[in-house]
């Protein structure tokens, strides 16, 4: 079976987010980006990271999703000014959602993993 991990990254506006923190967040996100899902690639800019949903496909028998989300959670807990929310949804449910708003709807219908 396959699952999607949906993440939403945003800057809370109360604290200035440094270029270094943006770079670190983009680097963590990009560890899961392959050639076929290049559109998920993050840059260390506000436009690329603030207010963005991304959905990553995982085999649920592999620990990769847990490891990826643990890195994101640890990063979010160590930074001020950056919020990261994460949800999971079965791939079979994800593909049935309307393409235009798929990641947003997947987050709304998915199981919440964490909100930081």
PDB file of N, CA and C in Angstrom:
ATOM      1  N   UNK A   1       0.832  -1.182   0.000  1.00  0.00           N
ATOM      2  CA  UNK A   1       0.000   0.000   0.000  1.00  0.00           C
ATOM      3  C   UNK A   1       0.879   1.249   0.000  1.00  0.00           C
ATOM      4  N   UNK A   2       0.323   2.293  -0.516  1.00  0.00           N
ATOM      5  CA  UNK A   2       1.040   3.560  -0.568  1.00  0.00           C
ATOM      6  C   UNK A   2       0.263   4.632   0.185  1.00  0.00           C
ATOM      7  N   UNK A   3       1.019   5.551   0.757  1.00  0.00           N
ATOM      8  CA  UNK A   3       0.433   6.677   1.476  1.00  0.00           C
ATOM      9  C   UNK A   3       1.069   7.959   0.979  1.00  0.00           C
ATOM     10  N   UNK A   4       0.343   9.033   1.145  1.00  0.00           N
ATOM     11  CA  UNK A   4       0.868  10.362   0.868  1.00  0.00           C
ATOM     12  C   UNK A   4       1.043  11.075   2.196  1.00  0.00           C
ATOM     13  N   UNK A   5       2.175  11.712   2.338  1.00  0.00           N
ATOM     14  CA  UNK A   5       2.394  12.621   3.458  1.00  0.00           C
ATOM     15  C   UNK A   5       2.246  14.022   2.887  1.00  0.00           C
ATOM     16  N   UNK A   6       1.320  14.771   3.425  1.00  0.00           N
ATOM     17  CA  UNK A   6       1.091  16.136   2.971  1.00  0.00           C
ATOM     18  C   UNK A   6       1.673  17.068   4.016  1.00  0.00           C
ATOM     19  N   UNK A   7       2.500  17.997   3.579  1.00  0.00           N
ATOM     20  CA  UNK A   7       3.051  18.979   4.511  1.00  0.00           C
ATOM     21  C   UNK A   7       2.635  20.374   4.063  1.00  0.00           C
ATOM     22  N   UNK A   8       2.458  21.240   5.040  1.00  0.00           N
ATOM     23  CA  UNK A   8       2.156  22.643   4.786  1.00  0.00           C
ATOM     24  C   UNK A   8       3.175  23.459   5.557  1.00  0.00           C
ATOM     25  N   UNK A   9       3.938  24.268   4.851  1.00  0.00           N
ATOM     26  CA  UNK A   9       4.947  25.105   5.495  1.00  0.00           C
ATOM     27  C   UNK A   9       4.501  26.556   5.427  1.00  0.00           C
ATOM     28  N   UNK A  10       4.714  27.266   6.532  1.00  0.00           N
ATOM     29  CA  UNK A  10       4.360  28.687   6.553  1.00  0.00           C
ATOM     30  C   UNK A  10       5.234  29.421   7.559  1.00  0.00           C
ATOM     31  N   UNK A  11       5.325  30.708   7.362  1.00  0.00           N
ATOM     32  CA  UNK A  11       6.059  31.574   8.288  1.00  0.00           C
ATOM     33  C   UNK A  11       5.024  32.331   9.100  1.00  0.00           C
ATOM     34  N   UNK A  12       5.194  32.345  10.415  1.00  0.00           N
ATOM     35  CA  UNK A  12       4.147  32.920  11.261  1.00  0.00           C
ATOM     36  C   UNK A  12       4.154  34.437  11.310  1.00  0.00           C
ATOM     37  N   UNK A  13       5.168  35.086  10.796  1.00  0.00           N
ATOM     38  CA  UNK A  13       5.175  36.536  10.696  1.00  0.00           C
ATOM     39  C   UNK A  13       5.635  37.278  11.934  1.00  0.00           C
ATOM     40  N   UNK A  14       5.702  36.601  13.069  1.00  0.00           N
ATOM     41  CA  UNK A  14       6.131  37.269  14.296  1.00  0.00           C
ATOM     42  C   UNK A  14       7.648  37.294  14.426  1.00  0.00           C
ATOM     43  N   UNK A  15       8.293  36.311  13.874  1.00  0.00           N
ATOM     44  CA  UNK A  15       9.751  36.201  13.938  1.00  0.00           C
ATOM     45  C   UNK A  15      10.303  36.239  12.519  1.00  0.00           C
ATOM     46  N   UNK A  16      11.432  36.876  12.345  1.00  0.00           N
ATOM     47  CA  UNK A  16      12.092  36.887  11.039  1.00  0.00           C
ATOM     48  C   UNK A  16      12.742  35.524  10.818  1.00  0.00           C
ATOM     49  N   UNK A  17      12.491  34.946   9.673  1.00  0.00           N
ATOM     50  CA  UNK A  17      13.073  33.651   9.326  1.00  0.00           C
ATOM     51  C   UNK A  17      14.354  33.917   8.556  1.00  0.00           C
ATOM     52  N   UNK A  18      15.452  33.406   9.070  1.00  0.00           N
ATOM     53  CA  UNK A  18      16.751  33.667   8.448  1.00  0.00           C
ATOM     54  C   UNK A  18      16.915  32.879   7.154  1.00  0.00           C
ATOM     55  N   UNK A  19      17.809  33.347   6.331  1.00  0.00           N
ATOM     56  CA  UNK A  19      18.133  32.662   5.075  1.00  0.00           C
ATOM     57  C   UNK A  19      18.659  31.256   5.368  1.00  0.00           C
ATOM     58  N   UNK A  20      19.420  31.114   6.456  1.00  0.00           N
ATOM     59  CA  UNK A  20      19.965  29.806   6.837  1.00  0.00           C
ATOM     60  C   UNK A  20      18.845  28.831   7.179  1.00  0.00           C
ATOM     61  N   UNK A  21      17.843  29.290   7.928  1.00  0.00           N
ATOM     62  CA  UNK A  21      16.717  28.417   8.276  1.00  0.00           C
ATOM     63  C   UNK A  21      15.922  28.029   7.034  1.00  0.00           C
ATOM     64  N   UNK A  22      15.723  28.966   6.127  1.00  0.00           N
ATOM     65  CA  UNK A  22      15.025  28.660   4.879  1.00  0.00           C
ATOM     66  C   UNK A  22      15.806  27.627   4.075  1.00  0.00           C
ATOM     67  N   UNK A  23      17.117  27.789   4.036  1.00  0.00           N
ATOM     68  CA  UNK A  23      17.976  26.857   3.303  1.00  0.00           C
ATOM     69  C   UNK A  23      17.892  25.457   3.915  1.00  0.00           C
ATOM     70  N   UNK A  24      17.923  25.382   5.254  1.00  0.00           N
ATOM     71  CA  UNK A  24      17.832  24.082   5.936  1.00  0.00           C
ATOM     72  C   UNK A  24      16.493  23.405   5.657  1.00  0.00           C
ATOM     73  N   UNK A  25      15.407  24.178   5.706  1.00  0.00           N
ATOM     74  CA  UNK A  25      14.083  23.614   5.433  1.00  0.00           C
ATOM     75  C   UNK A  25      13.996  23.120   3.993  1.00  0.00           C
ATOM     76  N   UNK A  26      14.466  23.908   3.051  1.00  0.00           N
ATOM     77  CA  UNK A  26      14.452  23.493   1.644  1.00  0.00           C
ATOM     78  C   UNK A  26      15.270  22.221   1.447  1.00  0.00           C
ATOM     79  N   UNK A  27      16.391  22.125   2.134  1.00  0.00           N
ATOM     80  CA  UNK A  27      17.242  20.941   2.009  1.00  0.00           C
ATOM     81  C   UNK A  27      16.523  19.690   2.522  1.00  0.00           C
ATOM     82  N   UNK A  28      15.822  19.803   3.648  1.00  0.00           N
ATOM     83  CA  UNK A  28      15.075  18.660   4.181  1.00  0.00           C
ATOM     84  C   UNK A  28      13.984  18.246   3.203  1.00  0.00           C
ATOM     85  N   UNK A  29      13.226  19.217   2.715  1.00  0.00           N
ATOM     86  CA  UNK A  29      12.153  18.913   1.758  1.00  0.00           C
ATOM     87  C   UNK A  29      12.724  18.257   0.507  1.00  0.00           C
ATOM     88  N   UNK A  30      13.816  18.779   0.001  1.00  0.00           N
ATOM     89  CA  UNK A  30      14.385  18.286  -1.253  1.00  0.00           C
ATOM     90  C   UNK A  30      15.000  16.897  -1.152  1.00  0.00           C
ATOM     91  N   UNK A  31      15.194  16.378   0.062  1.00  0.00           N
ATOM     92  CA  UNK A  31      15.684  14.998   0.188  1.00  0.00           C
ATOM     93  C   UNK A  31      14.669  14.002  -0.362  1.00  0.00           C
ATOM     94  N   UNK A  32      13.397  14.402  -0.451  1.00  0.00           N
ATOM     95  CA  UNK A  32      12.344  13.511  -0.942  1.00  0.00           C
ATOM     96  C   UNK A  32      11.936  13.802  -2.381  1.00  0.00           C
ATOM     97  N   UNK A  33      12.597  14.738  -3.040  1.00  0.00           N
ATOM     98  CA  UNK A  33      12.228  15.114  -4.406  1.00  0.00           C
ATOM     99  C   UNK A  33      13.074  14.311  -5.392  1.00  0.00           C
ATOM    100  N   UNK A  34      12.386  13.646  -6.316  1.00  0.00           N
ATOM    101  CA  UNK A  34      13.095  12.891  -7.351  1.00  0.00           C
ATOM    102  C   UNK A  34      12.862  13.561  -8.702  1.00  0.00           C
ATOM    103  N   UNK A  35      13.441  13.012  -9.721  1.00  0.00           N
ATOM    104  CA  UNK A  35      13.349  13.584 -11.066  1.00  0.00           C
ATOM    105  C   UNK A  35      11.902  13.626 -11.563  1.00  0.00           C
ATOM    106  N   UNK A  36      11.077  12.669 -11.149  1.00  0.00           N
ATOM    107  CA  UNK A  36       9.693  12.643 -11.644  1.00  0.00           C
ATOM    108  C   UNK A  36       8.761  13.584 -10.882  1.00  0.00           C
ATOM    109  N   UNK A  37       9.174  14.039  -9.708  1.00  0.00           N
ATOM    110  CA  UNK A  37       8.343  15.007  -8.982  1.00  0.00           C
ATOM    111  C   UNK A  37       9.130  16.280  -8.672  1.00  0.00           C
ATOM    112  N   UNK A  38       9.828  16.732  -9.687  1.00  0.00           N
ATOM    113  CA  UNK A  38      10.664  17.935  -9.587  1.00  0.00           C
ATOM    114  C   UNK A  38       9.856  19.176  -9.183  1.00  0.00           C
ATOM    115  N   UNK A  39       8.571  19.181  -9.493  1.00  0.00           N
ATOM    116  CA  UNK A  39       7.710  20.318  -9.144  1.00  0.00           C
ATOM    117  C   UNK A  39       7.597  20.521  -7.630  1.00  0.00           C
ATOM    118  N   UNK A  40       7.965  19.525  -6.838  1.00  0.00           N
ATOM    119  CA  UNK A  40       7.931  19.642  -5.377  1.00  0.00           C
ATOM    120  C   UNK A  40       9.176  20.324  -4.810  1.00  0.00           C
ATOM    121  N   UNK A  41      10.196  20.496  -5.642  1.00  0.00           N
ATOM    122  CA  UNK A  41      11.464  21.068  -5.172  1.00  0.00           C
ATOM    123  C   UNK A  41      11.233  22.422  -4.518  1.00  0.00           C
ATOM    124  N   UNK A  42      11.889  22.614  -3.376  1.00  0.00           N
ATOM    125  CA  UNK A  42      11.778  23.872  -2.628  1.00  0.00           C
ATOM    126  C   UNK A  42      13.038  24.703  -2.822  1.00  0.00           C
ATOM    127  N   UNK A  43      12.840  26.006  -2.874  1.00  0.00           N
ATOM    128  CA  UNK A  43      13.960  26.951  -2.899  1.00  0.00           C
ATOM    129  C   UNK A  43      13.951  27.678  -1.566  1.00  0.00           C
ATOM    130  N   UNK A  44      15.041  28.321  -1.230  1.00  0.00           N
ATOM    131  CA  UNK A  44      15.122  29.009   0.064  1.00  0.00           C
ATOM    132  C   UNK A  44      14.563  30.430  -0.033  1.00  0.00           C
ATOM    133  N   UNK A  45      13.335  30.525  -0.556  1.00  0.00           N
ATOM    134  CA  UNK A  45      12.674  31.822  -0.713  1.00  0.00           C
ATOM    135  C   UNK A  45      11.305  31.788  -0.036  1.00  0.00           C
ATOM    136  N   UNK A  46      10.802  32.960   0.287  1.00  0.00           N
ATOM    137  CA  UNK A  46       9.459  33.040   0.871  1.00  0.00           C
ATOM    138  C   UNK A  46       8.414  32.450  -0.067  1.00  0.00           C
ATOM    139  N   UNK A  47       8.493  32.778  -1.346  1.00  0.00           N
ATOM    140  CA  UNK A  47       7.504  32.308  -2.314  1.00  0.00           C
ATOM    141  C   UNK A  47       7.470  30.785  -2.408  1.00  0.00           C
ATOM    142  N   UNK A  48       8.603  30.148  -2.267  1.00  0.00           N
ATOM    143  CA  UNK A  48       8.687  28.697  -2.390  1.00  0.00           C
ATOM    144  C   UNK A  48       8.295  27.973  -1.105  1.00  0.00           C
ATOM    145  N   UNK A  49       8.446  28.619   0.041  1.00  0.00           N
ATOM    146  CA  UNK A  49       8.230  27.936   1.319  1.00  0.00           C
ATOM    147  C   UNK A  49       7.014  28.411   2.105  1.00  0.00           C
ATOM    148  N   UNK A  50       6.651  29.666   1.995  1.00  0.00           N
ATOM    149  CA  UNK A  50       5.584  30.216   2.830  1.00  0.00           C
ATOM    150  C   UNK A  50       4.209  29.947   2.225  1.00  0.00           C
ATOM    151  N   UNK A  51       3.365  29.251   2.985  1.00  0.00           N
ATOM    152  CA  UNK A  51       2.003  28.972   2.536  1.00  0.00           C
ATOM    153  C   UNK A  51       1.907  27.925   1.451  1.00  0.00           C
ATOM    154  N   UNK A  52       2.804  26.945   1.470  1.00  0.00           N
ATOM    155  CA  UNK A  52       2.854  25.942   0.403  1.00  0.00           C
ATOM    156  C   UNK A  52       2.516  24.537   0.913  1.00  0.00           C
ATOM    157  N   UNK A  53       1.673  23.842   0.144  1.00  0.00           N
ATOM    158  CA  UNK A  53       1.385  22.426   0.383  1.00  0.00           C
ATOM    159  C   UNK A  53       2.276  21.598  -0.530  1.00  0.00           C
ATOM    160  N   UNK A  54       2.736  20.467  -0.019  1.00  0.00           N
ATOM    161  CA  UNK A  54       3.467  19.498  -0.832  1.00  0.00           C
ATOM    162  C   UNK A  54       3.023  18.102  -0.399  1.00  0.00           C
ATOM    163  N   UNK A  55       2.844  17.198  -1.352  1.00  0.00           N
ATOM    164  CA  UNK A  55       2.418  15.836  -1.044  1.00  0.00           C
ATOM    165  C   UNK A  55       3.464  14.861  -1.573  1.00  0.00           C
ATOM    166  N   UNK A  56       3.967  14.022  -0.684  1.00  0.00           N
ATOM    167  CA  UNK A  56       5.019  13.069  -1.028  1.00  0.00           C
ATOM    168  C   UNK A  56       4.475  11.649  -0.930  1.00  0.00           C
ATOM    169  N   UNK A  57       4.818  10.827  -1.908  1.00  0.00           N
ATOM    170  CA  UNK A  57       4.367   9.439  -1.960  1.00  0.00           C
ATOM    171  C   UNK A  57       5.358   8.542  -1.233  1.00  0.00           C
ATOM    172  N   UNK A  58       4.830   7.644  -0.393  1.00  0.00           N
ATOM    173  CA  UNK A  58       5.659   6.704   0.355  1.00  0.00           C
ATOM    174  C   UNK A  58       5.040   5.317   0.308  1.00  0.00           C
ATOM    175  N   UNK A  59       5.892   4.296   0.348  1.00  0.00           N
ATOM    176  CA  UNK A  59       5.458   2.925   0.565  1.00  0.00           C
ATOM    177  C   UNK A  59       5.260   2.789   2.066  1.00  0.00           C
ATOM    178  N   UNK A  60       4.075   2.393   2.502  1.00  0.00           N
ATOM    179  CA  UNK A  60       3.808   2.373   3.940  1.00  0.00           C
ATOM    180  C   UNK A  60       4.540   1.258   4.687  1.00  0.00           C
ATOM    181  N   UNK A  61       5.212   0.369   3.971  1.00  0.00           N
ATOM    182  CA  UNK A  61       6.001  -0.669   4.629  1.00  0.00           C
ATOM    183  C   UNK A  61       7.434  -0.212   4.888  1.00  0.00           C
ATOM    184  N   UNK A  62       7.780   0.949   4.408  1.00  0.00           N
ATOM    185  CA  UNK A  62       9.121   1.500   4.577  1.00  0.00           C
ATOM    186  C   UNK A  62       9.105   2.546   5.688  1.00  0.00           C
ATOM    187  N   UNK A  63      10.212   2.672   6.423  1.00  0.00           N
ATOM    188  CA  UNK A  63      10.270   3.698   7.476  1.00  0.00           C
ATOM    189  C   UNK A  63      10.569   5.100   6.936  1.00  0.00           C
ATOM    190  N   UNK A  64      10.677   5.259   5.640  1.00  0.00           N
ATOM    191  CA  UNK A  64      11.076   6.542   5.050  1.00  0.00           C
ATOM    192  C   UNK A  64      10.134   7.683   5.421  1.00  0.00           C
ATOM    193  N   UNK A  65       8.823   7.436   5.436  1.00  0.00           N
ATOM    194  CA  UNK A  65       7.883   8.508   5.761  1.00  0.00           C
ATOM    195  C   UNK A  65       8.068   8.957   7.206  1.00  0.00           C
ATOM    196  N   UNK A  66       8.185   8.019   8.105  1.00  0.00           N
ATOM    197  CA  UNK A  66       8.382   8.345   9.521  1.00  0.00           C
ATOM    198  C   UNK A  66       9.666   9.128   9.720  1.00  0.00           C
ATOM    199  N   UNK A  67      10.734   8.718   9.054  1.00  0.00           N
ATOM    200  CA  UNK A  67      12.024   9.406   9.181  1.00  0.00           C
ATOM    201  C   UNK A  67      11.952  10.826   8.619  1.00  0.00           C
ATOM    202  N   UNK A  68      11.332  10.982   7.461  1.00  0.00           N
ATOM    203  CA  UNK A  68      11.195  12.297   6.836  1.00  0.00           C
ATOM    204  C   UNK A  68      10.388  13.242   7.725  1.00  0.00           C
ATOM    205  N   UNK A  69       9.259  12.767   8.219  1.00  0.00           N
ATOM    206  CA  UNK A  69       8.414  13.607   9.065  1.00  0.00           C
ATOM    207  C   UNK A  69       9.077  13.913  10.402  1.00  0.00           C
ATOM    208  N   UNK A  70       9.866  12.990  10.919  1.00  0.00           N
ATOM    209  CA  UNK A  70      10.597  13.249  12.167  1.00  0.00           C
ATOM    210  C   UNK A  70      11.620  14.367  11.968  1.00  0.00           C
ATOM    211  N   UNK A  71      12.293  14.379  10.815  1.00  0.00           N
ATOM    212  CA  UNK A  71      13.248  15.457  10.516  1.00  0.00           C
ATOM    213  C   UNK A  71      12.538  16.806  10.431  1.00  0.00           C
ATOM    214  N   UNK A  72      11.398  16.823   9.744  1.00  0.00           N
ATOM    215  CA  UNK A  72      10.638  18.071   9.627  1.00  0.00           C
ATOM    216  C   UNK A  72      10.141  18.555  10.985  1.00  0.00           C
ATOM    217  N   UNK A  73       9.651  17.627  11.792  1.00  0.00           N
ATOM    218  CA  UNK A  73       9.137  17.993  13.117  1.00  0.00           C
ATOM    219  C   UNK A  73      10.253  18.549  13.996  1.00  0.00           C
ATOM    220  N   UNK A  74      11.393  17.879  14.003  1.00  0.00           N
ATOM    221  CA  UNK A  74      12.534  18.348  14.800  1.00  0.00           C
ATOM    222  C   UNK A  74      12.984  19.730  14.332  1.00  0.00           C
ATOM    223  N   UNK A  75      13.002  19.926  13.026  1.00  0.00           N
ATOM    224  CA  UNK A  75      13.388  21.231  12.492  1.00  0.00           C
ATOM    225  C   UNK A  75      12.407  22.308  12.948  1.00  0.00           C
ATOM    226  N   UNK A  76      11.117  22.044  12.807  1.00  0.00           N
ATOM    227  CA  UNK A  76      10.096  23.033  13.182  1.00  0.00           C
ATOM    228  C   UNK A  76      10.161  23.365  14.668  1.00  0.00           C
ATOM    229  N   UNK A  77      10.435  22.369  15.491  1.00  0.00           N
ATOM    230  CA  UNK A  77      10.527  22.603  16.933  1.00  0.00           C
ATOM    231  C   UNK A  77      11.756  23.423  17.302  1.00  0.00           C
ATOM    232  N   UNK A  78      12.792  23.358  16.478  1.00  0.00           N
ATOM    233  CA  UNK A  78      14.032  24.074  16.783  1.00  0.00           C
ATOM    234  C   UNK A  78      14.051  25.505  16.241  1.00  0.00           C
ATOM    235  N   UNK A  79      13.071  25.874  15.429  1.00  0.00           N
ATOM    236  CA  UNK A  79      13.051  27.200  14.795  1.00  0.00           C
ATOM    237  C   UNK A  79      11.870  28.013  15.294  1.00  0.00           C
ATOM    238  N   UNK A  80      12.091  29.303  15.381  1.00  0.00           N
ATOM    239  CA  UNK A  80      10.964  30.196  15.640  1.00  0.00           C
ATOM    240  C   UNK A  80      10.607  30.860  14.325  1.00  0.00           C
ATOM    241  N   UNK A  81       9.348  31.048  14.115  1.00  0.00           N
ATOM    242  CA  UNK A  81       8.919  31.722  12.898  1.00  0.00           C
ATOM    243  C   UNK A  81       8.471  30.800  11.787  1.00  0.00           C
ATOM    244  N   UNK A  82       8.738  29.494  11.902  1.00  0.00           N
ATOM    245  CA  UNK A  82       8.339  28.544  10.865  1.00  0.00           C
ATOM    246  C   UNK A  82       7.337  27.561  11.451  1.00  0.00           C
ATOM    247  N   UNK A  83       6.222  27.395  10.756  1.00  0.00           N
ATOM    248  CA  UNK A  83       5.215  26.414  11.154  1.00  0.00           C
ATOM    249  C   UNK A  83       5.161  25.321  10.100  1.00  0.00           C
ATOM    250  N   UNK A  84       5.080  24.088  10.557  1.00  0.00           N
ATOM    251  CA  UNK A  84       4.946  22.956   9.644  1.00  0.00           C
ATOM    252  C   UNK A  84       3.815  22.077  10.163  1.00  0.00           C
ATOM    253  N   UNK A  85       2.869  21.777   9.296  1.00  0.00           N
ATOM    254  CA  UNK A  85       1.778  20.862   9.605  1.00  0.00           C
ATOM    255  C   UNK A  85       1.937  19.648   8.697  1.00  0.00           C
ATOM    256  N   UNK A  86       1.549  18.477   9.200  1.00  0.00           N
ATOM    257  CA  UNK A  86       1.681  17.262   8.397  1.00  0.00           C
ATOM    258  C   UNK A  86       0.462  16.364   8.587  1.00  0.00           C
ATOM    259  N   UNK A  87       0.046  15.754   7.491  1.00  0.00           N
ATOM    260  CA  UNK A  87      -1.066  14.816   7.488  1.00  0.00           C
ATOM    261  C   UNK A  87      -0.670  13.617   6.636  1.00  0.00           C
ATOM    262  N   UNK A  88      -1.417  12.524   6.799  1.00  0.00           N
ATOM    263  CA  UNK A  88      -1.223  11.373   5.915  1.00  0.00           C
ATOM    264  C   UNK A  88      -2.579  10.944   5.380  1.00  0.00           C
ATOM    265  N   UNK A  89      -2.553  10.393   4.176  1.00  0.00           N
ATOM    266  CA  UNK A  89      -3.773   9.919   3.531  1.00  0.00           C
ATOM    267  C   UNK A  89      -3.390   8.746   2.634  1.00  0.00           C
ATOM    268  N   UNK A  90      -4.292   7.794   2.509  1.00  0.00           N
ATOM    269  CA  UNK A  90      -4.054   6.657   1.616  1.00  0.00           C
ATOM    270  C   UNK A  90      -3.984   7.157   0.173  1.00  0.00           C
ATOM    271  N   UNK A  91      -3.097   6.597  -0.597  1.00  0.00           N
ATOM    272  CA  UNK A  91      -2.933   7.005  -1.997  1.00  0.00           C
ATOM    273  C   UNK A  91      -4.230   6.816  -2.787  1.00  0.00           C
ATOM    274  N   UNK A  92      -4.969   5.747  -2.504  1.00  0.00           N
ATOM    275  CA  UNK A  92      -6.225   5.499  -3.221  1.00  0.00           C
ATOM    276  C   UNK A  92      -7.241   6.618  -2.974  1.00  0.00           C
ATOM    277  N   UNK A  93      -7.238   7.212  -1.784  1.00  0.00           N
ATOM    278  CA  UNK A  93      -8.119   8.347  -1.495  1.00  0.00           C
ATOM    279  C   UNK A  93      -7.587   9.616  -2.165  1.00  0.00           C
ATOM    280  N   UNK A  94      -6.275   9.781  -2.137  1.00  0.00           N
ATOM    281  CA  UNK A  94      -5.638  10.984  -2.685  1.00  0.00           C
ATOM    282  C   UNK A  94      -5.935  11.152  -4.175  1.00  0.00           C
ATOM    283  N   UNK A  95      -5.827  10.080  -4.937  1.00  0.00           N
ATOM    284  CA  UNK A  95      -6.009  10.180  -6.391  1.00  0.00           C
ATOM    285  C   UNK A  95      -7.460  10.450  -6.780  1.00  0.00           C
ATOM    286  N   UNK A  96      -8.397  10.223  -5.882  1.00  0.00           N
ATOM    287  CA  UNK A  96      -9.807  10.501  -6.167  1.00  0.00           C
ATOM    288  C   UNK A  96     -10.188  11.963  -5.946  1.00  0.00           C
ATOM    289  N   UNK A  97      -9.307  12.738  -5.356  1.00  0.00           N
ATOM    290  CA  UNK A  97      -9.602  14.145  -5.077  1.00  0.00           C
ATOM    291  C   UNK A  97      -9.419  14.992  -6.338  1.00  0.00           C
ATOM    292  N   UNK A  98     -10.170  16.087  -6.468  1.00  0.00           N
ATOM    293  CA  UNK A  98     -10.012  16.968  -7.638  1.00  0.00           C
ATOM    294  C   UNK A  98      -8.586  17.517  -7.727  1.00  0.00           C
ATOM    295  N   UNK A  99      -8.006  17.465  -8.889  1.00  0.00           N
ATOM    296  CA  UNK A  99      -6.607  17.832  -9.092  1.00  0.00           C
ATOM    297  C   UNK A  99      -6.313  19.272  -8.676  1.00  0.00           C
ATOM    298  N   UNK A 100      -7.218  20.206  -8.957  1.00  0.00           N
ATOM    299  CA  UNK A 100      -6.951  21.622  -8.706  1.00  0.00           C
ATOM    300  C   UNK A 100      -6.615  21.908  -7.244  1.00  0.00           C
ATOM    301  N   UNK A 101      -7.249  21.244  -6.314  1.00  0.00           N
ATOM    302  CA  UNK A 101      -7.062  21.518  -4.890  1.00  0.00           C
ATOM    303  C   UNK A 101      -6.678  20.247  -4.138  1.00  0.00           C
ATOM    304  N   UNK A 102      -6.049  19.332  -4.809  1.00  0.00           N
ATOM    305  CA  UNK A 102      -5.795  18.007  -4.251  1.00  0.00           C
ATOM    306  C   UNK A 102      -5.033  18.039  -2.927  1.00  0.00           C
ATOM    307  N   UNK A 103      -3.930  18.772  -2.849  1.00  0.00           N
ATOM    308  CA  UNK A 103      -3.124  18.751  -1.629  1.00  0.00           C
ATOM    309  C   UNK A 103      -3.864  19.380  -0.455  1.00  0.00           C
ATOM    310  N   UNK A 104      -4.584  20.466  -0.706  1.00  0.00           N
ATOM    311  CA  UNK A 104      -5.378  21.099   0.349  1.00  0.00           C
ATOM    312  C   UNK A 104      -6.471  20.151   0.841  1.00  0.00           C
ATOM    313  N   UNK A 105      -7.202  19.538  -0.086  1.00  0.00           N
ATOM    314  CA  UNK A 105      -8.276  18.621   0.290  1.00  0.00           C
ATOM    315  C   UNK A 105      -7.737  17.370   0.971  1.00  0.00           C
ATOM    316  N   UNK A 106      -6.575  16.907   0.546  1.00  0.00           N
ATOM    317  CA  UNK A 106      -5.963  15.746   1.196  1.00  0.00           C
ATOM    318  C   UNK A 106      -5.629  16.071   2.643  1.00  0.00           C
ATOM    319  N   UNK A 107      -5.140  17.280   2.883  1.00  0.00           N
ATOM    320  CA  UNK A 107      -4.849  17.691   4.256  1.00  0.00           C
ATOM    321  C   UNK A 107      -6.136  17.766   5.071  1.00  0.00           C
ATOM    322  N   UNK A 108      -7.194  18.295   4.472  1.00  0.00           N
ATOM    323  CA  UNK A 108      -8.469  18.414   5.175  1.00  0.00           C
ATOM    324  C   UNK A 108      -9.077  17.049   5.481  1.00  0.00           C
ATOM    325  N   UNK A 109      -8.873  16.081   4.589  1.00  0.00           N
ATOM    326  CA  UNK A 109      -9.451  14.746   4.761  1.00  0.00           C
ATOM    327  C   UNK A 109      -8.493  13.749   5.393  1.00  0.00           C
ATOM    328  N   UNK A 110      -7.231  14.110   5.495  1.00  0.00           N
ATOM    329  CA  UNK A 110      -6.221  13.179   5.996  1.00  0.00           C
ATOM    330  C   UNK A 110      -6.155  13.121   7.514  1.00  0.00           C
ATOM    331  N   UNK A 111      -5.360  12.198   7.982  1.00  0.00           N
ATOM    332  CA  UNK A 111      -5.134  12.027   9.416  1.00  0.00           C
ATOM    333  C   UNK A 111      -3.985  12.950   9.826  1.00  0.00           C
ATOM    334  N   UNK A 112      -4.249  13.811  10.794  1.00  0.00           N
ATOM    335  CA  UNK A 112      -3.218  14.755  11.239  1.00  0.00           C
ATOM    336  C   UNK A 112      -2.086  14.004  11.937  1.00  0.00           C
ATOM    337  N   UNK A 113      -0.856  14.343  11.570  1.00  0.00           N
ATOM    338  CA  UNK A 113       0.319  13.751  12.208  1.00  0.00           C
ATOM    339  C   UNK A 113       0.881  14.720  13.235  1.00  0.00           C
ATOM    340  N   UNK A 114       1.091  15.970  12.833  1.00  0.00           N
ATOM    341  CA  UNK A 114       1.518  17.000  13.779  1.00  0.00           C
ATOM    342  C   UNK A 114       1.244  18.386  13.221  1.00  0.00           C
ATOM    343  N   UNK A 115       1.198  19.361  14.144  1.00  0.00           N
ATOM    344  CA  UNK A 115       1.079  20.788  13.798  1.00  0.00           C
ATOM    345  C   UNK A 115       2.024  21.533  14.710  1.00  0.00           C
ATOM    346  N   UNK A 116       3.012  22.180  14.112  1.00  0.00           N
ATOM    347  CA  UNK A 116       3.989  22.931  14.912  1.00  0.00           C
ATOM    348  C   UNK A 116       4.090  24.331  14.348  1.00  0.00           C
TER     349      UNK A 116
END
